[in-house]
């Protein structure tokens, strides 16, 4: 009986989802747009950098001194006067910070970025869209379109990759719904009932055999 119970518990552990890995960006070293511009010694095209909860978050994985990362920052700096009220930046420096670099790869894998072995920076995430690299000619219009598309949504309806990563079970685990859990429980109960019935019938047979021997 103990073996059956152990088997049932092990089966439930395999099919039920494990807790998701917590992704809290507050635990990582980040910079906002004004801070990155200062770090890269880029003169800001604005007098004051303002952030609020209505703005779209641009997640930027970068490397300090990266030429293409700098190009993206210069692009944001250029459009800030007209579009700056729509977005804010959360930047992760990955060349010197191993935790940020690990987060970059986890995020790219979660977003099913192709050719992960060639993943580099800048890696830009806006809503559910990502941009693996940047030149204004290639991605400028697409980045602005992604910002505007997200900005038109209610803030609570926007896609946040880190919130989605936190909700998802860790890779390698399987998940079953409530119906599946109930079915597994019913099967487990049925196994126990069958086992107990067989054992009870066996004990009854043994009692009859003993009684028969005494009568003889």
Protein backbone atom coordinates (compact mmCIF):
# COMPACT_ATOMS: atom_id res chain seq x y z
CA UNK A 1 0.00 0.00 0.00
CA UNK A 2 2.82 2.38 0.83
CA UNK A 3 4.32 1.79 -2.62
CA UNK A 4 1.03 2.72 -4.30
CA UNK A 5 0.69 5.94 -2.27
CA UNK A 6 4.30 6.85 -3.05
CA UNK A 7 3.67 6.22 -6.75
CA UNK A 8 0.57 8.42 -6.72
CA UNK A 9 2.40 11.28 -5.00
CA UNK A 10 5.30 11.01 -7.45
CA UNK A 11 2.90 11.08 -10.40
CA UNK A 12 1.17 14.20 -9.09
CA UNK A 13 4.53 15.91 -8.61
CA UNK A 14 5.42 15.21 -12.23
CA UNK A 15 2.22 16.52 -13.79
CA UNK A 16 1.47 19.52 -11.62
CA UNK A 17 3.24 22.77 -12.57
CA UNK A 18 6.15 23.94 -10.47
CA UNK A 19 6.23 27.51 -9.26
CA UNK A 20 7.43 29.94 -11.89
CA UNK A 21 10.79 31.58 -11.62
CA UNK A 22 10.31 35.05 -10.17
CA UNK A 23 11.41 37.83 -12.52
CA UNK A 24 11.56 41.07 -10.57
CA UNK A 25 13.48 43.69 -12.53
CA UNK A 26 13.98 45.68 -9.33
CA UNK A 27 16.54 43.03 -8.39
CA UNK A 28 18.65 43.91 -11.43
CA UNK A 29 20.91 46.88 -12.13
CA UNK A 30 19.07 49.18 -14.54
CA UNK A 31 19.33 52.72 -15.92
CA UNK A 32 16.67 54.99 -17.38
CA UNK A 33 17.15 56.95 -20.60
CA UNK A 34 18.66 60.04 -18.98
CA UNK A 35 21.12 57.92 -17.01
CA UNK A 36 22.21 55.93 -20.07
CA UNK A 37 22.75 59.06 -22.13
CA UNK A 38 24.96 60.40 -19.37
CA UNK A 39 26.87 57.09 -19.15
CA UNK A 40 27.44 57.13 -22.92
CA UNK A 41 28.29 60.86 -22.87
CA UNK A 42 25.46 61.72 -25.24
CA UNK A 43 24.10 65.24 -24.86
CA UNK A 44 20.36 64.96 -24.07
CA UNK A 45 18.00 66.74 -26.46
CA UNK A 46 15.63 67.52 -23.58
CA UNK A 47 15.83 69.66 -20.48
CA UNK A 48 14.00 67.30 -18.16
CA UNK A 49 13.36 63.57 -18.31
CA UNK A 50 9.94 62.60 -16.98
CA UNK A 51 8.43 59.18 -16.33
CA UNK A 52 4.89 58.12 -15.49
CA UNK A 53 2.75 54.97 -15.39
CA UNK A 54 1.03 55.78 -18.71
CA UNK A 55 4.24 55.52 -20.69
CA UNK A 56 5.22 52.43 -22.65
CA UNK A 57 8.25 50.62 -21.22
CA UNK A 58 11.12 50.00 -23.62
CA UNK A 59 13.32 47.22 -22.23
CA UNK A 60 16.81 47.66 -23.59
CA UNK A 61 19.62 45.13 -23.18
CA UNK A 62 22.85 46.89 -24.08
CA UNK A 63 26.60 46.91 -23.69
CA UNK A 64 28.49 49.95 -22.46
CA UNK A 65 30.28 51.33 -25.51
CA UNK A 66 28.34 49.21 -28.03
CA UNK A 67 28.11 51.13 -31.32
CA UNK A 68 24.64 49.90 -32.29
CA UNK A 69 23.35 50.43 -28.74
CA UNK A 70 24.58 53.99 -28.95
CA UNK A 71 22.79 54.36 -32.28
CA UNK A 72 19.52 53.32 -30.66
CA UNK A 73 20.03 55.77 -27.80
CA UNK A 74 20.74 58.58 -30.25
CA UNK A 75 17.53 57.65 -32.08
CA UNK A 76 15.47 57.82 -28.88
CA UNK A 77 17.17 61.08 -28.00
CA UNK A 78 16.24 62.49 -31.42
CA UNK A 79 12.55 61.54 -31.22
CA UNK A 80 12.17 62.43 -27.55
CA UNK A 81 10.90 65.96 -28.13
CA UNK A 82 7.92 64.70 -30.17
CA UNK A 83 7.41 61.21 -28.74
CA UNK A 84 9.03 61.27 -25.30
CA UNK A 85 5.76 61.51 -23.42
CA UNK A 86 4.85 58.04 -24.78
CA UNK A 87 7.80 55.96 -23.57
CA UNK A 88 10.34 55.35 -20.87
CA UNK A 89 13.40 53.14 -20.86
CA UNK A 90 14.55 50.38 -18.54
CA UNK A 91 18.06 49.41 -19.57
CA UNK A 92 20.16 46.38 -18.61
CA UNK A 93 23.91 46.57 -19.21
CA UNK A 94 24.96 43.01 -20.11
CA UNK A 95 28.68 43.15 -20.92
CA UNK A 96 29.82 43.84 -17.37
CA UNK A 97 26.85 42.49 -15.41
CA UNK A 98 26.50 38.69 -15.55
CA UNK A 99 23.02 38.75 -13.97
CA UNK A 100 21.77 41.10 -16.66
CA UNK A 101 23.40 38.94 -19.33
CA UNK A 102 21.65 35.85 -17.97
CA UNK A 103 18.34 37.73 -17.97
CA UNK A 104 18.95 38.72 -21.60
CA UNK A 105 19.23 35.07 -22.65
CA UNK A 106 16.24 33.98 -20.55
CA UNK A 107 14.12 36.75 -22.05
CA UNK A 108 15.20 35.97 -25.62
CA UNK A 109 14.52 32.26 -25.13
CA UNK A 110 11.09 33.00 -23.65
CA UNK A 111 10.25 35.22 -26.63
CA UNK A 112 11.40 32.43 -28.97
CA UNK A 113 14.09 34.50 -30.63
CA UNK A 114 15.71 32.50 -33.46
CA UNK A 115 19.46 31.82 -33.56
CA UNK A 116 19.99 32.30 -29.84
CA UNK A 117 23.64 31.30 -30.23
CA UNK A 118 24.13 34.53 -32.22
CA UNK A 119 22.24 36.72 -29.73
CA UNK A 120 23.84 40.09 -29.15
CA UNK A 121 23.03 43.67 -28.16
CA UNK A 122 21.16 45.84 -28.46
CA UNK A 123 18.17 43.62 -27.79
CA UNK A 124 15.06 45.77 -27.57
CA UNK A 125 11.65 44.70 -26.23
CA UNK A 126 8.50 46.79 -26.69
CA UNK A 127 5.31 45.02 -25.67
CA UNK A 128 5.35 41.59 -27.29
CA UNK A 129 7.75 42.72 -30.03
CA UNK A 130 11.52 42.42 -30.02
CA UNK A 131 14.31 43.91 -32.12
CA UNK A 132 17.61 41.97 -32.20
CA UNK A 133 19.93 44.82 -33.11
CA UNK A 134 19.30 48.33 -34.36
CA UNK A 135 19.92 50.76 -37.16
CA UNK A 136 17.52 53.60 -37.82
CA UNK A 137 17.19 52.58 -41.45
CA UNK A 138 16.23 49.00 -40.58
CA UNK A 139 14.19 49.40 -37.39
CA UNK A 140 13.47 53.09 -36.75
CA UNK A 141 9.93 53.12 -38.18
CA UNK A 142 9.12 49.70 -36.65
CA UNK A 143 10.25 50.81 -33.18
CA UNK A 144 8.12 53.97 -33.36
CA UNK A 145 5.15 51.95 -34.61
CA UNK A 146 5.55 49.49 -31.70
CA UNK A 147 5.68 52.38 -29.21
CA UNK A 148 2.51 53.96 -30.64
CA UNK A 149 0.69 50.62 -30.80
CA UNK A 150 1.35 49.92 -27.12
CA UNK A 151 0.64 53.51 -26.09
CA UNK A 152 -2.85 53.33 -27.57
CA UNK A 153 -3.70 50.42 -25.26
CA UNK A 154 -4.88 50.82 -21.69
CA UNK A 155 -1.84 50.37 -19.41
CA UNK A 156 -3.38 47.28 -17.78
CA UNK A 157 -3.82 45.65 -21.21
CA UNK A 158 -0.22 46.05 -22.29
CA UNK A 159 2.05 43.05 -22.65
CA UNK A 160 4.96 42.97 -20.22
CA UNK A 161 7.44 40.21 -20.95
CA UNK A 162 8.67 39.95 -17.36
CA UNK A 163 5.16 39.62 -15.98
CA UNK A 164 4.50 36.89 -18.53
CA UNK A 165 7.74 35.10 -17.65
CA UNK A 166 6.78 35.16 -13.99
CA UNK A 167 3.39 33.60 -14.73
CA UNK A 168 4.75 30.81 -16.89
CA UNK A 169 5.89 27.50 -15.35
CA UNK A 170 9.57 26.80 -15.69
CA UNK A 171 10.63 25.03 -18.86
CA UNK A 172 10.65 21.27 -18.52
CA UNK A 173 7.55 21.07 -16.34
CA UNK A 174 4.11 20.14 -17.56
CA UNK A 175 0.83 21.68 -16.55
CA UNK A 176 -2.63 20.16 -16.27
CA UNK A 177 -5.94 21.90 -15.79
CA UNK A 178 -8.45 21.40 -12.99
CA UNK A 179 -10.16 18.61 -14.95
CA UNK A 180 -6.87 16.76 -15.28
CA UNK A 181 -6.15 17.08 -11.57
CA UNK A 182 -9.60 15.74 -10.69
CA UNK A 183 -9.13 12.81 -13.09
CA UNK A 184 -5.77 11.96 -11.54
CA UNK A 185 -7.30 12.09 -8.05
CA UNK A 186 -10.17 9.80 -9.13
CA UNK A 187 -7.72 7.30 -10.62
CA UNK A 188 -5.68 7.38 -7.42
CA UNK A 189 -8.78 6.77 -5.29
CA UNK A 190 -9.87 3.94 -7.60
CA UNK A 191 -6.47 2.27 -7.27
CA UNK A 192 -6.67 2.45 -3.48
CA UNK A 193 -10.25 1.05 -3.45
CA UNK A 194 -9.32 -1.82 -5.79
CA UNK A 195 -6.24 -2.63 -3.74
CA UNK A 196 -8.20 -2.59 -0.47
CA UNK A 197 -10.98 -4.74 -2.01
CA UNK A 198 -8.50 -7.35 -3.23
CA UNK A 199 -6.76 -7.36 0.14
CA UNK A 200 -10.10 -7.64 1.99
CA UNK A 201 -11.24 -10.56 -0.20
CA UNK A 202 -7.91 -12.28 0.35
CA UNK A 203 -8.25 -11.92 4.11
CA UNK A 204 -11.78 -13.31 3.94
CA UNK A 205 -10.54 -16.36 2.01
CA UNK A 206 -7.83 -16.92 4.63
CA UNK A 207 -10.41 -16.68 7.43
CA UNK A 208 -12.67 -19.22 5.67
CA UNK A 209 -9.77 -21.58 5.16
CA UNK A 210 -8.83 -21.38 8.84
CA UNK A 211 -12.45 -21.90 9.89
CA UNK A 212 -12.72 -24.90 7.56
CA UNK A 213 -9.60 -26.49 9.07
CA UNK A 214 -10.96 -26.05 12.60
CA UNK A 215 -14.26 -27.65 11.68
CA UNK A 216 -12.42 -30.69 10.38
